Amino acid sequence: QVQLVESGGGLVQPGGSLRLPCAASASILSINLPGWYRQAPGKQRELVAAFTRAGSTNYADSVKGRFTISRDNAKNTLYLQMNSLKPEDTAVYYCNANVQRVVSGPFYKYWGQGTQVTVSS
């Protein structure tokens, strides 16, 4: 069952920008500790940006100053704003979160299906 859905990926030239939304399904009550990861061909999946338990944000050094993670609680949607894109940013991007489906119920970790971002001339 799909719980998180990324979109907004595509082909962009170096220096360009993209915004990736990750929308939770209507059945999800709340989202905790959302984050973005990416996996390039032949590489391990790595953390890009995430919210911490303290409510702050954490970014990979390679994207710091260029990417911004945000959320819209009313829409149950997570966003990744990507600016000044580089070819090295080419990867499949995944959102991740602990989701709650019923009141007072447990939280479970879910991954989105991923969206391809290609930075190339």
PDB file of N, CA and C in Angstrom:
ATOM      1  N   GLN A   1       0.841  -1.193   0.000  1.00  0.00           N
ATOM      2  CA  GLN A   1       0.000   0.000   0.000  1.00  0.00           C
ATOM      3  C   GLN A   1       0.880   1.249   0.000  1.00  0.00           C
ATOM      4  N   VAL A   2       0.640   2.141  -0.940  1.00  0.00           N
ATOM      5  CA  VAL A   2       1.424   3.360  -1.050  1.00  0.00           C
ATOM      6  C   VAL A   2       1.001   4.344   0.033  1.00  0.00           C
ATOM      7  N   GLN A   3       1.976   4.810   0.808  1.00  0.00           N
ATOM      8  CA  GLN A   3       1.710   5.769   1.868  1.00  0.00           C
ATOM      9  C   GLN A   3       2.331   7.138   1.595  1.00  0.00           C
ATOM     10  N   LEU A   4       3.465   7.167   0.898  1.00  0.00           N
ATOM     11  CA  LEU A   4       4.165   8.395   0.555  1.00  0.00           C
ATOM     12  C   LEU A   4       4.458   8.407  -0.934  1.00  0.00           C
ATOM     13  N   VAL A   5       4.199   9.525  -1.586  1.00  0.00           N
ATOM     14  CA  VAL A   5       4.374   9.623  -3.026  1.00  0.00           C
ATOM     15  C   VAL A   5       5.179  10.868  -3.363  1.00  0.00           C
ATOM     16  N   GLU A   6       6.373  10.672  -3.936  1.00  0.00           N
ATOM     17  CA  GLU A   6       7.181  11.789  -4.411  1.00  0.00           C
ATOM     18  C   GLU A   6       6.799  12.139  -5.841  1.00  0.00           C
ATOM     19  N   SER A   7       7.063  13.382  -6.200  1.00  0.00           N
ATOM     20  CA  SER A   7       6.882  13.832  -7.566  1.00  0.00           C
ATOM     21  C   SER A   7       7.815  15.016  -7.802  1.00  0.00           C
ATOM     22  N   GLY A   8       7.732  15.617  -8.970  1.00  0.00           N
ATOM     23  CA  GLY A   8       8.503  16.812  -9.252  1.00  0.00           C
ATOM     24  C   GLY A   8       9.871  16.574  -9.842  1.00  0.00           C
ATOM     25  N   GLY A   9      10.271  15.326  -9.994  1.00  0.00           N
ATOM     26  CA  GLY A   9      11.563  15.036 -10.581  1.00  0.00           C
ATOM     27  C   GLY A   9      11.565  15.272 -12.078  1.00  0.00           C
ATOM     28  N   GLY A  10      12.749  15.166 -12.659  1.00  0.00           N
ATOM     29  CA  GLY A  10      12.880  15.369 -14.087  1.00  0.00           C
ATOM     30  C   GLY A  10      14.284  15.772 -14.466  1.00  0.00           C
ATOM     31  N   LEU A  11      14.414  16.265 -15.684  1.00  0.00           N
ATOM     32  CA  LEU A  11      15.701  16.703 -16.217  1.00  0.00           C
ATOM     33  C   LEU A  11      15.837  18.204 -16.049  1.00  0.00           C
ATOM     34  N   VAL A  12      16.973  18.622 -15.520  1.00  0.00           N
ATOM     35  CA  VAL A  12      17.241  20.040 -15.320  1.00  0.00           C
ATOM     36  C   VAL A  12      18.703  20.319 -15.647  1.00  0.00           C
ATOM     37  N   GLN A  13      18.976  21.502 -16.163  1.00  0.00           N
ATOM     38  CA  GLN A  13      20.344  21.880 -16.478  1.00  0.00           C
ATOM     39  C   GLN A  13      21.112  22.283 -15.227  1.00  0.00           C
ATOM     40  N   PRO A  14      22.423  22.147 -15.240  1.00  0.00           N
ATOM     41  CA  PRO A  14      23.216  22.614 -14.097  1.00  0.00           C
ATOM     42  C   PRO A  14      22.912  24.069 -13.769  1.00  0.00           C
ATOM     43  N   GLY A  15      22.796  24.343 -12.477  1.00  0.00           N
ATOM     44  CA  GLY A  15      22.429  25.669 -12.016  1.00  0.00           C
ATOM     45  C   GLY A  15      20.943  25.884 -11.867  1.00  0.00           C
ATOM     46  N   GLY A  16      20.152  24.951 -12.341  1.00  0.00           N
ATOM     47  CA  GLY A  16      18.711  25.065 -12.258  1.00  0.00           C
ATOM     48  C   GLY A  16      18.165  24.667 -10.904  1.00  0.00           C
ATOM     49  N   SER A  17      16.838  24.702 -10.803  1.00  0.00           N
ATOM     50  CA  SER A  17      16.161  24.414  -9.541  1.00  0.00           C
ATOM     51  C   SER A  17      14.994  23.468  -9.751  1.00  0.00           C
ATOM     52  N   LEU A  18      14.687  22.707  -8.725  1.00  0.00           N
ATOM     53  CA  LEU A  18      13.514  21.848  -8.687  1.00  0.00           C
ATOM     54  C   LEU A  18      12.970  21.838  -7.272  1.00  0.00           C
ATOM     55  N   ARG A  19      11.669  21.640  -7.158  1.00  0.00           N
ATOM     56  CA  ARG A  19      11.052  21.420  -5.865  1.00  0.00           C
ATOM     57  C   ARG A  19      10.333  20.082  -5.890  1.00  0.00           C
ATOM     58  N   LEU A  20      10.695  19.214  -4.966  1.00  0.00           N
ATOM     59  CA  LEU A  20      10.110  17.895  -4.876  1.00  0.00           C
ATOM     60  C   LEU A  20       9.099  17.840  -3.735  1.00  0.00           C
ATOM     61  N   PRO A  21       7.850  17.538  -4.025  1.00  0.00           N
ATOM     62  CA  PRO A  21       6.894  17.282  -2.948  1.00  0.00           C
ATOM     63  C   PRO A  21       6.782  15.792  -2.647  1.00  0.00           C
ATOM     64  N   CYS A  22       6.487  15.488  -1.408  1.00  0.00           N
ATOM     65  CA  CYS A  22       6.208  14.129  -0.980  1.00  0.00           C
ATOM     66  C   CYS A  22       4.902  14.171  -0.210  1.00  0.00           C
ATOM     67  N   ALA A  23       3.862  13.646  -0.812  1.00  0.00           N
ATOM     68  CA  ALA A  23       2.522  13.736  -0.242  1.00  0.00           C
ATOM     69  C   ALA A  23       2.139  12.441   0.450  1.00  0.00           C
ATOM     70  N   ALA A  24       1.648  12.565   1.656  1.00  0.00           N
ATOM     71  CA  ALA A  24       1.132  11.418   2.386  1.00  0.00           C
ATOM     72  C   ALA A  24      -0.280  11.100   1.925  1.00  0.00           C
ATOM     73  N   SER A  25      -0.636   9.836   1.957  1.00  0.00           N
ATOM     74  CA  SER A  25      -1.986   9.441   1.584  1.00  0.00           C
ATOM     75  C   SER A  25      -2.992   9.992   2.574  1.00  0.00           C
ATOM     76  N   ALA A  26      -4.245  10.066   2.141  1.00  0.00           N
ATOM     77  CA  ALA A  26      -5.288  10.646   2.976  1.00  0.00           C
ATOM     78  C   ALA A  26      -5.512   9.859   4.254  1.00  0.00           C
ATOM     79  N   SER A  27      -5.139   8.599   4.260  1.00  0.00           N
ATOM     80  CA  SER A  27      -5.357   7.764   5.436  1.00  0.00           C
ATOM     81  C   SER A  27      -4.337   8.011   6.539  1.00  0.00           C
ATOM     82  N   ILE A  28      -3.260   8.725   6.237  1.00  0.00           N
ATOM     83  CA  ILE A  28      -2.221   8.986   7.229  1.00  0.00           C
ATOM     84  C   ILE A  28      -2.635  10.132   8.125  1.00  0.00           C
ATOM     85  N   LEU A  29      -2.571   9.898   9.414  1.00  0.00           N
ATOM     86  CA  LEU A  29      -3.003  10.885  10.391  1.00  0.00           C
ATOM     87  C   LEU A  29      -1.927  11.920  10.684  1.00  0.00           C
ATOM     88  N   SER A  30      -0.685  11.467  10.832  1.00  0.00           N
ATOM     89  CA  SER A  30       0.398  12.379  11.142  1.00  0.00           C
ATOM     90  C   SER A  30       1.724  11.791  10.678  1.00  0.00           C
ATOM     91  N   ILE A  31       2.721  12.667  10.563  1.00  0.00           N
ATOM     92  CA  ILE A  31       4.046  12.297  10.074  1.00  0.00           C
ATOM     93  C   ILE A  31       5.096  12.787  11.059  1.00  0.00           C
ATOM     94  N   ASN A  32       6.013  11.919  11.410  1.00  0.00           N
ATOM     95  CA  ASN A  32       7.116  12.265  12.301  1.00  0.00           C
ATOM     96  C   ASN A  32       8.453  12.050  11.610  1.00  0.00           C
ATOM     97  N   LEU A  33       9.407  12.885  11.952  1.00  0.00           N
ATOM     98  CA  LEU A  33      10.793  12.756  11.506  1.00  0.00           C
ATOM     99  C   LEU A  33      10.914  12.551  10.002  1.00  0.00           C
ATOM    100  N   PRO A  34      10.319  13.432   9.216  1.00  0.00           N
ATOM    101  CA  PRO A  34      10.421  13.276   7.765  1.00  0.00           C
ATOM    102  C   PRO A  34      11.815  13.647   7.258  1.00  0.00           C
ATOM    103  N   GLY A  35      12.200  13.025   6.157  1.00  0.00           N
ATOM    104  CA  GLY A  35      13.500  13.312   5.577  1.00  0.00           C
ATOM    105  C   GLY A  35      13.560  12.937   4.110  1.00  0.00           C
ATOM    106  N   TRP A  36      14.627  13.382   3.461  1.00  0.00           N
ATOM    107  CA  TRP A  36      14.900  13.082   2.066  1.00  0.00           C
ATOM    108  C   TRP A  36      16.227  12.345   1.933  1.00  0.00           C
ATOM    109  N   TYR A  37      16.233  11.327   1.097  1.00  0.00           N
ATOM    110  CA  TYR A  37      17.425  10.553   0.786  1.00  0.00           C
ATOM    111  C   TYR A  37      17.582  10.486  -0.727  1.00  0.00           C
ATOM    112  N   ARG A  38      18.769  10.120  -1.161  1.00  0.00           N
ATOM    113  CA  ARG A  38      18.983   9.935  -2.591  1.00  0.00           C
ATOM    114  C   ARG A  38      19.948   8.788  -2.826  1.00  0.00           C
ATOM    115  N   GLN A  39      19.846   8.195  -3.998  1.00  0.00           N
ATOM    116  CA  GLN A  39      20.728   7.109  -4.384  1.00  0.00           C
ATOM    117  C   GLN A  39      21.127   7.286  -5.843  1.00  0.00           C
ATOM    118  N   ALA A  40      22.408   7.480  -6.065  1.00  0.00           N
ATOM    119  CA  ALA A  40      22.956   7.595  -7.406  1.00  0.00           C
ATOM    120  C   ALA A  40      23.378   6.218  -7.902  1.00  0.00           C
ATOM    121  N   PRO A  41      23.492   6.037  -9.214  1.00  0.00           N
ATOM    122  CA  PRO A  41      23.905   4.740  -9.758  1.00  0.00           C
ATOM    123  C   PRO A  41      25.232   4.281  -9.173  1.00  0.00           C
ATOM    124  N   GLY A  42      25.257   3.056  -8.677  1.00  0.00           N
ATOM    125  CA  GLY A  42      26.467   2.497  -8.111  1.00  0.00           C
ATOM    126  C   GLY A  42      26.833   3.009  -6.736  1.00  0.00           C
ATOM    127  N   LYS A  43      25.982   3.817  -6.133  1.00  0.00           N
ATOM    128  CA  LYS A  43      26.267   4.397  -4.829  1.00  0.00           C
ATOM    129  C   LYS A  43      25.249   3.943  -3.793  1.00  0.00           C
ATOM    130  N   GLN A  44      25.621   4.077  -2.529  1.00  0.00           N
ATOM    131  CA  GLN A  44      24.699   3.793  -1.447  1.00  0.00           C
ATOM    132  C   GLN A  44      23.690   4.919  -1.296  1.00  0.00           C
ATOM    133  N   ARG A  45      22.529   4.575  -0.767  1.00  0.00           N
ATOM    134  CA  ARG A  45      21.555   5.602  -0.453  1.00  0.00           C
ATOM    135  C   ARG A  45      22.088   6.471   0.682  1.00  0.00           C
ATOM    136  N   GLU A  46      21.962   7.776   0.533  1.00  0.00           N
ATOM    137  CA  GLU A  46      22.505   8.703   1.508  1.00  0.00           C
ATOM    138  C   GLU A  46      21.464   9.717   1.946  1.00  0.00           C
ATOM    139  N   LEU A  47      21.652  10.192   3.157  1.00  0.00           N
ATOM    140  CA  LEU A  47      20.787  11.245   3.683  1.00  0.00           C
ATOM    141  C   LEU A  47      21.067  12.549   2.964  1.00  0.00           C
ATOM    142  N   VAL A  48      20.010  13.227   2.573  1.00  0.00           N
ATOM    143  CA  VAL A  48      20.111  14.548   1.969  1.00  0.00           C
ATOM    144  C   VAL A  48      19.731  15.623   2.983  1.00  0.00           C
ATOM    145  N   ALA A  49      18.565  15.476   3.573  1.00  0.00           N
ATOM    146  CA  ALA A  49      18.064  16.446   4.541  1.00  0.00           C
ATOM    147  C   ALA A  49      16.981  15.789   5.376  1.00  0.00           C
ATOM    148  N   ALA A  50      16.881  16.196   6.631  1.00  0.00           N
ATOM    149  CA  ALA A  50      15.885  15.605   7.506  1.00  0.00           C
ATOM    150  C   ALA A  50      15.590  16.527   8.682  1.00  0.00           C
ATOM    151  N   PHE A  51      14.403  16.368   9.228  1.00  0.00           N
ATOM    152  CA  PHE A  51      14.067  16.991  10.495  1.00  0.00           C
ATOM    153  C   PHE A  51      14.529  16.083  11.619  1.00  0.00           C
ATOM    154  N   THR A  52      14.992  16.688  12.698  1.00  0.00           N
ATOM    155  CA  THR A  52      15.451  15.945  13.858  1.00  0.00           C
ATOM    156  C   THR A  52      14.372  15.909  14.928  1.00  0.00           C
ATOM    157  N   ARG A  53      14.613  15.098  15.967  1.00  0.00           N
ATOM    158  CA  ARG A  53      13.676  15.025  17.077  1.00  0.00           C
ATOM    159  C   ARG A  53      13.548  16.355  17.793  1.00  0.00           C
ATOM    160  N   ALA A  54      14.593  17.161  17.747  1.00  0.00           N
ATOM    161  CA  ALA A  54      14.571  18.472  18.379  1.00  0.00           C
ATOM    162  C   ALA A  54      13.846  19.517  17.543  1.00  0.00           C
ATOM    163  N   GLY A  55      13.427  19.151  16.345  1.00  0.00           N
ATOM    164  CA  GLY A  55      12.714  20.076  15.493  1.00  0.00           C
ATOM    165  C   GLY A  55      13.597  20.891  14.574  1.00  0.00           C
ATOM    166  N   SER A  56      14.888  20.685  14.624  1.00  0.00           N
ATOM    167  CA  SER A  56      15.798  21.364  13.727  1.00  0.00           C
ATOM    168  C   SER A  56      15.978  20.544  12.452  1.00  0.00           C
ATOM    169  N   THR A  57      16.838  21.011  11.573  1.00  0.00           N
ATOM    170  CA  THR A  57      17.090  20.330  10.310  1.00  0.00           C
ATOM    171  C   THR A  57      18.541  19.917  10.206  1.00  0.00           C
ATOM    172  N   ASN A  58      18.775  18.869   9.449  1.00  0.00           N
ATOM    173  CA  ASN A  58      20.105  18.334   9.237  1.00  0.00           C
ATOM    174  C   ASN A  58      20.313  18.132   7.745  1.00  0.00           C
ATOM    175  N   TYR A  59      21.440  18.619   7.216  1.00  0.00           N
ATOM    176  CA  TYR A  59      21.731  18.533   5.792  1.00  0.00           C
ATOM    177  C   TYR A  59      23.071  17.869   5.544  1.00  0.00           C
ATOM    178  N   ALA A  60      23.144  17.137   4.451  1.00  0.00           N
ATOM    179  CA  ALA A  60      24.434  16.643   3.997  1.00  0.00           C
ATOM    180  C   ALA A  60      25.314  17.819   3.602  1.00  0.00           C
ATOM    181  N   ASP A  61      26.607  17.696   3.865  1.00  0.00           N
ATOM    182  CA  ASP A  61      27.524  18.780   3.536  1.00  0.00           C
ATOM    183  C   ASP A  61      27.477  19.140   2.052  1.00  0.00           C
ATOM    184  N   SER A  62      27.242  18.161   1.215  1.00  0.00           N
ATOM    185  CA  SER A  62      27.256  18.384  -0.219  1.00  0.00           C
ATOM    186  C   SER A  62      26.093  19.235  -0.717  1.00  0.00           C
ATOM    187  N   VAL A  63      25.032  19.351   0.077  1.00  0.00           N
ATOM    188  CA  VAL A  63      23.862  20.114  -0.349  1.00  0.00           C
ATOM    189  C   VAL A  63      23.594  21.325   0.525  1.00  0.00           C
ATOM    190  N   LYS A  64      24.335  21.471   1.592  1.00  0.00           N
ATOM    191  CA  LYS A  64      24.117  22.567   2.526  1.00  0.00           C
ATOM    192  C   LYS A  64      24.256  23.906   1.825  1.00  0.00           C
ATOM    193  N   GLY A  65      23.283  24.766   2.048  1.00  0.00           N
ATOM    194  CA  GLY A  65      23.271  26.063   1.410  1.00  0.00           C
ATOM    195  C   GLY A  65      22.573  26.083   0.071  1.00  0.00           C
ATOM    196  N   ARG A  66      22.289  24.924  -0.490  1.00  0.00           N
ATOM    197  CA  ARG A  66      21.618  24.826  -1.779  1.00  0.00           C
ATOM    198  C   ARG A  66      20.226  24.211  -1.674  1.00  0.00           C
ATOM    199  N   PHE A  67      20.051  23.261  -0.760  1.00  0.00           N
ATOM    200  CA  PHE A  67      18.779  22.556  -0.600  1.00  0.00           C
ATOM    201  C   PHE A  67      18.101  22.999   0.688  1.00  0.00           C
ATOM    202  N   THR A  68      16.769  22.971   0.688  1.00  0.00           N
ATOM    203  CA  THR A  68      15.991  23.308   1.864  1.00  0.00           C
ATOM    204  C   THR A  68      14.848  22.314   2.035  1.00  0.00           C
ATOM    205  N   ILE A  69      14.750  21.732   3.220  1.00  0.00           N
ATOM    206  CA  ILE A  69      13.642  20.840   3.532  1.00  0.00           C
ATOM    207  C   ILE A  69      12.571  21.630   4.276  1.00  0.00           C
ATOM    208  N   SER A  70      11.320  21.359   3.961  1.00  0.00           N
ATOM    209  CA  SER A  70      10.217  22.027   4.628  1.00  0.00           C
ATOM    210  C   SER A  70       9.004  21.113   4.628  1.00  0.00           C
ATOM    211  N   ARG A  71       7.983  21.500   5.368  1.00  0.00           N
ATOM    212  CA  ARG A  71       6.772  20.695   5.432  1.00  0.00           C
ATOM    213  C   ARG A  71       5.558  21.580   5.580  1.00  0.00           C
ATOM    214  N   ASP A  72       4.443  21.101   5.069  1.00  0.00           N
ATOM    215  CA  ASP A  72       3.156  21.751   5.208  1.00  0.00           C
ATOM    216  C   ASP A  72       2.256  20.763   5.931  1.00  0.00           C
ATOM    217  N   ASN A  73       2.070  20.979   7.220  1.00  0.00           N
ATOM    218  CA  ASN A  73       1.312  20.028   8.023  1.00  0.00           C
ATOM    219  C   ASN A  73      -0.159  19.962   7.610  1.00  0.00           C
ATOM    220  N   ALA A  74      -0.713  21.077   7.167  1.00  0.00           N
ATOM    221  CA  ALA A  74      -2.105  21.088   6.742  1.00  0.00           C
ATOM    222  C   ALA A  74      -2.334  20.179   5.543  1.00  0.00           C
ATOM    223  N   LYS A  75      -1.342  20.070   4.674  1.00  0.00           N
ATOM    224  CA  LYS A  75      -1.435  19.231   3.486  1.00  0.00           C
ATOM    225  C   LYS A  75      -0.765  17.878   3.654  1.00  0.00           C
ATOM    226  N   ASN A  76      -0.162  17.655   4.811  1.00  0.00           N
ATOM    227  CA  ASN A  76       0.586  16.413   5.054  1.00  0.00           C
ATOM    228  C   ASN A  76       1.598  16.164   3.938  1.00  0.00           C
ATOM    229  N   THR A  77       2.343  17.195   3.613  1.00  0.00           N
ATOM    230  CA  THR A  77       3.281  17.134   2.504  1.00  0.00           C
ATOM    231  C   THR A  77       4.656  17.624   2.929  1.00  0.00           C
ATOM    232  N   LEU A  78       5.669  16.904   2.520  1.00  0.00           N
ATOM    233  CA  LEU A  78       7.064  17.252   2.726  1.00  0.00           C
ATOM    234  C   LEU A  78       7.636  17.780   1.414  1.00  0.00           C
ATOM    235  N   TYR A  79       8.540  18.755   1.500  1.00  0.00           N
ATOM    236  CA  TYR A  79       9.130  19.343   0.304  1.00  0.00           C
ATOM    237  C   TYR A  79      10.651  19.350   0.392  1.00  0.00           C
ATOM    238  N   LEU A  80      11.270  19.261  -0.758  1.00  0.00           N
ATOM    239  CA  LEU A  80      12.695  19.493  -0.881  1.00  0.00           C
ATOM    240  C   LEU A  80      12.910  20.502  -1.999  1.00  0.00           C
ATOM    241  N   GLN A  81      13.348  21.696  -1.635  1.00  0.00           N
ATOM    242  CA  GLN A  81      13.691  22.719  -2.605  1.00  0.00           C
ATOM    243  C   GLN A  81      15.162  22.583  -2.949  1.00  0.00           C
ATOM    244  N   MET A  82      15.460  22.410  -4.217  1.00  0.00           N
ATOM    245  CA  MET A  82      16.824  22.198  -4.675  1.00  0.00           C
ATOM    246  C   MET A  82      17.213  23.324  -5.620  1.00  0.00           C
ATOM    247  N   ASN A  83      18.235  24.070  -5.240  1.00  0.00           N
ATOM    248  CA  ASN A  83      18.745  25.172  -6.044  1.00  0.00           C
ATOM    249  C   ASN A  83      20.193  24.917  -6.431  1.00  0.00           C
ATOM    250  N   SER A  84      20.648  25.639  -7.440  1.00  0.00           N
ATOM    251  CA  SER A  84      22.035  25.530  -7.900  1.00  0.00           C
ATOM    252  C   SER A  84      22.437  24.080  -8.118  1.00  0.00           C
ATOM    253  N   LEU A  85      21.612  23.365  -8.837  1.00  0.00           N
ATOM    254  CA  LEU A  85      21.830  21.931  -9.025  1.00  0.00           C
ATOM    255  C   LEU A  85      23.097  21.650  -9.817  1.00  0.00           C
ATOM    256  N   LYS A  86      23.753  20.568  -9.435  1.00  0.00           N
ATOM    257  CA  LYS A  86      24.984  20.117 -10.065  1.00  0.00           C
ATOM    258  C   LYS A  86      24.784  18.727 -10.648  1.00  0.00           C
ATOM    259  N   PRO A  87      25.590  18.344 -11.634  1.00  0.00           N
ATOM    260  CA  PRO A  87      25.490  16.978 -12.159  1.00  0.00           C
ATOM    261  C   PRO A  87      25.636  15.914 -11.068  1.00  0.00           C
ATOM    262  N   GLU A  88      26.413  16.196 -10.040  1.00  0.00           N
ATOM    263  CA  GLU A  88      26.596  15.260  -8.937  1.00  0.00           C
ATOM    264  C   GLU A  88      25.320  15.036  -8.134  1.00  0.00           C
ATOM    265  N   ASP A  89      24.316  15.879  -8.315  1.00  0.00           N
ATOM    266  CA  ASP A  89      23.041  15.709  -7.634  1.00  0.00           C
ATOM    267  C   ASP A  89      22.138  14.692  -8.327  1.00  0.00           C
ATOM    268  N   THR A  90      22.541  14.220  -9.487  1.00  0.00           N
ATOM    269  CA  THR A  90      21.745  13.242 -10.219  1.00  0.00           C
ATOM    270  C   THR A  90      21.567  11.977  -9.389  1.00  0.00           C
ATOM    271  N   ALA A  91      20.319  11.596  -9.156  1.00  0.00           N
ATOM    272  CA  ALA A  91      20.017  10.442  -8.315  1.00  0.00           C
ATOM    273  C   ALA A  91      18.512  10.228  -8.288  1.00  0.00           C
ATOM    274  N   VAL A  92      18.114   9.099  -7.733  1.00  0.00           N
ATOM    275  CA  VAL A  92      16.720   8.893  -7.376  1.00  0.00           C
ATOM    276  C   VAL A  92      16.530   9.424  -5.970  1.00  0.00           C
ATOM    277  N   TYR A  93      15.559  10.282  -5.790  1.00  0.00           N
ATOM    278  CA  TYR A  93      15.307  10.909  -4.504  1.00  0.00           C
ATOM    279  C   TYR A  93      14.095  10.261  -3.842  1.00  0.00           C
ATOM    280  N   TYR A  94      14.247   9.943  -2.563  1.00  0.00           N
ATOM    281  CA  TYR A  94      13.217   9.261  -1.797  1.00  0.00           C
ATOM    282  C   TYR A  94      12.843  10.076  -0.568  1.00  0.00           C
ATOM    283  N   CYS A  95      11.568  10.149  -0.271  1.00  0.00           N
ATOM    284  CA  CYS A  95      11.161  10.695   1.010  1.00  0.00           C
ATOM    285  C   CYS A  95      10.939   9.555   1.989  1.00  0.00           C
ATOM    286  N   ASN A  96      11.047   9.884   3.258  1.00  0.00           N
ATOM    287  CA  ASN A  96      10.966   8.895   4.315  1.00  0.00           C
ATOM    288  C   ASN A  96      10.355   9.540   5.546  1.00  0.00           C
ATOM    289  N   ALA A  97       9.528   8.785   6.260  1.00  0.00           N
ATOM    290  CA  ALA A  97       8.922   9.324   7.469  1.00  0.00           C
ATOM    291  C   ALA A  97       8.324   8.204   8.300  1.00  0.00           C
ATOM    292  N   ASN A  98       8.181   8.475   9.579  1.00  0.00           N
ATOM    293  CA  ASN A  98       7.373   7.635  10.451  1.00  0.00           C
ATOM    294  C   ASN A  98       5.940   8.144  10.381  1.00  0.00           C
ATOM    295  N   VAL A  99       5.010   7.259  10.039  1.00  0.00           N
ATOM    296  CA  VAL A  99       3.630   7.676   9.818  1.00  0.00           C
ATOM    297  C   VAL A  99       2.694   6.991  10.800  1.00  0.00           C
ATOM    298  N   GLN A 100       1.664   7.723  11.187  1.00  0.00           N
ATOM    299  CA  GLN A 100       0.624   7.237  12.072  1.00  0.00           C
ATOM    300  C   GLN A 100      -0.680   7.201  11.298  1.00  0.00           C
ATOM    301  N   ARG A 101      -1.388   6.098  11.359  1.00  0.00           N
ATOM    302  CA  ARG A 101      -2.589   5.917  10.554  1.00  0.00           C
ATOM    303  C   ARG A 101      -3.878   6.014  11.350  1.00  0.00           C
ATOM    304  N   VAL A 102      -3.818   5.776  12.645  1.00  0.00           N
ATOM    305  CA  VAL A 102      -5.009   5.871  13.493  1.00  0.00           C
ATOM    306  C   VAL A 102      -4.660   6.628  14.762  1.00  0.00           C
ATOM    307  N   VAL A 103      -5.677   7.235  15.366  1.00  0.00           N
ATOM    308  CA  VAL A 103      -5.479   7.967  16.606  1.00  0.00           C
ATOM    309  C   VAL A 103      -4.937   7.023  17.672  1.00  0.00           C
ATOM    310  N   SER A 104      -3.889   7.459  18.342  1.00  0.00           N
ATOM    311  CA  SER A 104      -3.230   6.697  19.403  1.00  0.00           C
ATOM    312  C   SER A 104      -2.564   5.427  18.894  1.00  0.00           C
ATOM    313  N   GLY A 105      -2.478   5.275  17.588  1.00  0.00           N
ATOM    314  CA  GLY A 105      -1.853   4.107  17.014  1.00  0.00           C
ATOM    315  C   GLY A 105      -0.352   4.262  16.912  1.00  0.00           C
ATOM    316  N   PRO A 106       0.319   3.207  16.472  1.00  0.00           N
ATOM    317  CA  PRO A 106       1.774   3.245  16.367  1.00  0.00           C
ATOM    318  C   PRO A 106       2.242   4.012  15.133  1.00  0.00           C
ATOM    319  N   PHE A 107       3.519   4.375  15.143  1.00  0.00           N
ATOM    320  CA  PHE A 107       4.166   4.959  13.986  1.00  0.00           C
ATOM    321  C   PHE A 107       5.000   3.892  13.278  1.00  0.00           C
ATOM    322  N   TYR A 108       4.953   3.881  11.962  1.00  0.00           N
ATOM    323  CA  TYR A 108       5.732   2.959  11.150  1.00  0.00           C
ATOM    324  C   TYR A 108       6.532   3.742  10.119  1.00  0.00           C
ATOM    325  N   LYS A 109       7.739   3.269   9.846  1.00  0.00           N
ATOM    326  CA  LYS A 109       8.587   3.930   8.864  1.00  0.00           C
ATOM    327  C   LYS A 109       8.202   3.500   7.447  1.00  0.00           C
ATOM    328  N   TYR A 110       7.995   4.483   6.583  1.00  0.00           N
ATOM    329  CA  TYR A 110       7.666   4.227   5.185  1.00  0.00           C
ATOM    330  C   TYR A 110       8.579   5.007   4.268  1.00  0.00           C
ATOM    331  N   TRP A 111       8.825   4.443   3.109  1.00  0.00           N
ATOM    332  CA  TRP A 111       9.569   5.093   2.042  1.00  0.00           C
ATOM    333  C   TRP A 111       8.654   5.377   0.866  1.00  0.00           C
ATOM    334  N   GLY A 112       8.897   6.491   0.203  1.00  0.00           N
ATOM    335  CA  GLY A 112       8.241   6.744  -1.058  1.00  0.00           C
ATOM    336  C   GLY A 112       8.842   5.882  -2.150  1.00  0.00           C
ATOM    337  N   GLN A 113       8.239   5.925  -3.330  1.00  0.00           N
ATOM    338  CA  GLN A 113       8.697   5.089  -4.438  1.00  0.00           C
ATOM    339  C   GLN A 113       9.917   5.658  -5.147  1.00  0.00           C
ATOM    340  N   GLY A 114      10.228   6.904  -4.893  1.00  0.00           N
ATOM    341  CA  GLY A 114      11.370   7.563  -5.495  1.00  0.00           C
ATOM    342  C   GLY A 114      11.008   8.333  -6.743  1.00  0.00           C
ATOM    343  N   THR A 115      11.730   9.413  -6.981  1.00  0.00           N
ATOM    344  CA  THR A 115      11.569  10.192  -8.199  1.00  0.00           C
ATOM    345  C   THR A 115      12.952  10.532  -8.748  1.00  0.00           C
ATOM    346  N   GLN A 116      13.117  10.379 -10.044  1.00  0.00           N
ATOM    347  CA  GLN A 116      14.416  10.568 -10.687  1.00  0.00           C
ATOM    348  C   GLN A 116      14.690  12.038 -10.932  1.00  0.00           C
ATOM    349  N   VAL A 117      15.862  12.478 -10.498  1.00  0.00           N
ATOM    350  CA  VAL A 117      16.353  13.822 -10.790  1.00  0.00           C
ATOM    351  C   VAL A 117      17.638  13.683 -11.593  1.00  0.00           C
ATOM    352  N   THR A 118      17.658  14.263 -12.775  1.00  0.00           N
ATOM    353  CA  THR A 118      18.829  14.209 -13.637  1.00  0.00           C
ATOM    354  C   THR A 118      19.287  15.627 -13.941  1.00  0.00           C
ATOM    355  N   VAL A 119      20.525  15.926 -13.596  1.00  0.00           N
ATOM    356  CA  VAL A 119      21.105  17.242 -13.829  1.00  0.00           C
ATOM    357  C   VAL A 119      22.145  17.095 -14.927  1.00  0.00           C
ATOM    358  N   SER A 120      21.850  17.641 -16.084  1.00  0.00           N
ATOM    359  CA  SER A 120      22.721  17.461 -17.236  1.00  0.00           C
ATOM    360  C   SER A 120      22.451  18.534 -18.274  1.00  0.00           C
ATOM    361  N   SER A 121      23.479  18.846 -19.058  1.00  0.00           N
ATOM    362  CA  SER A 121      23.335  19.761 -20.175  1.00  0.00           C
ATOM    363  C   SER A 121      22.831  19.039 -21.411  1.00  0.00           C
TER     364      SER A 121
END
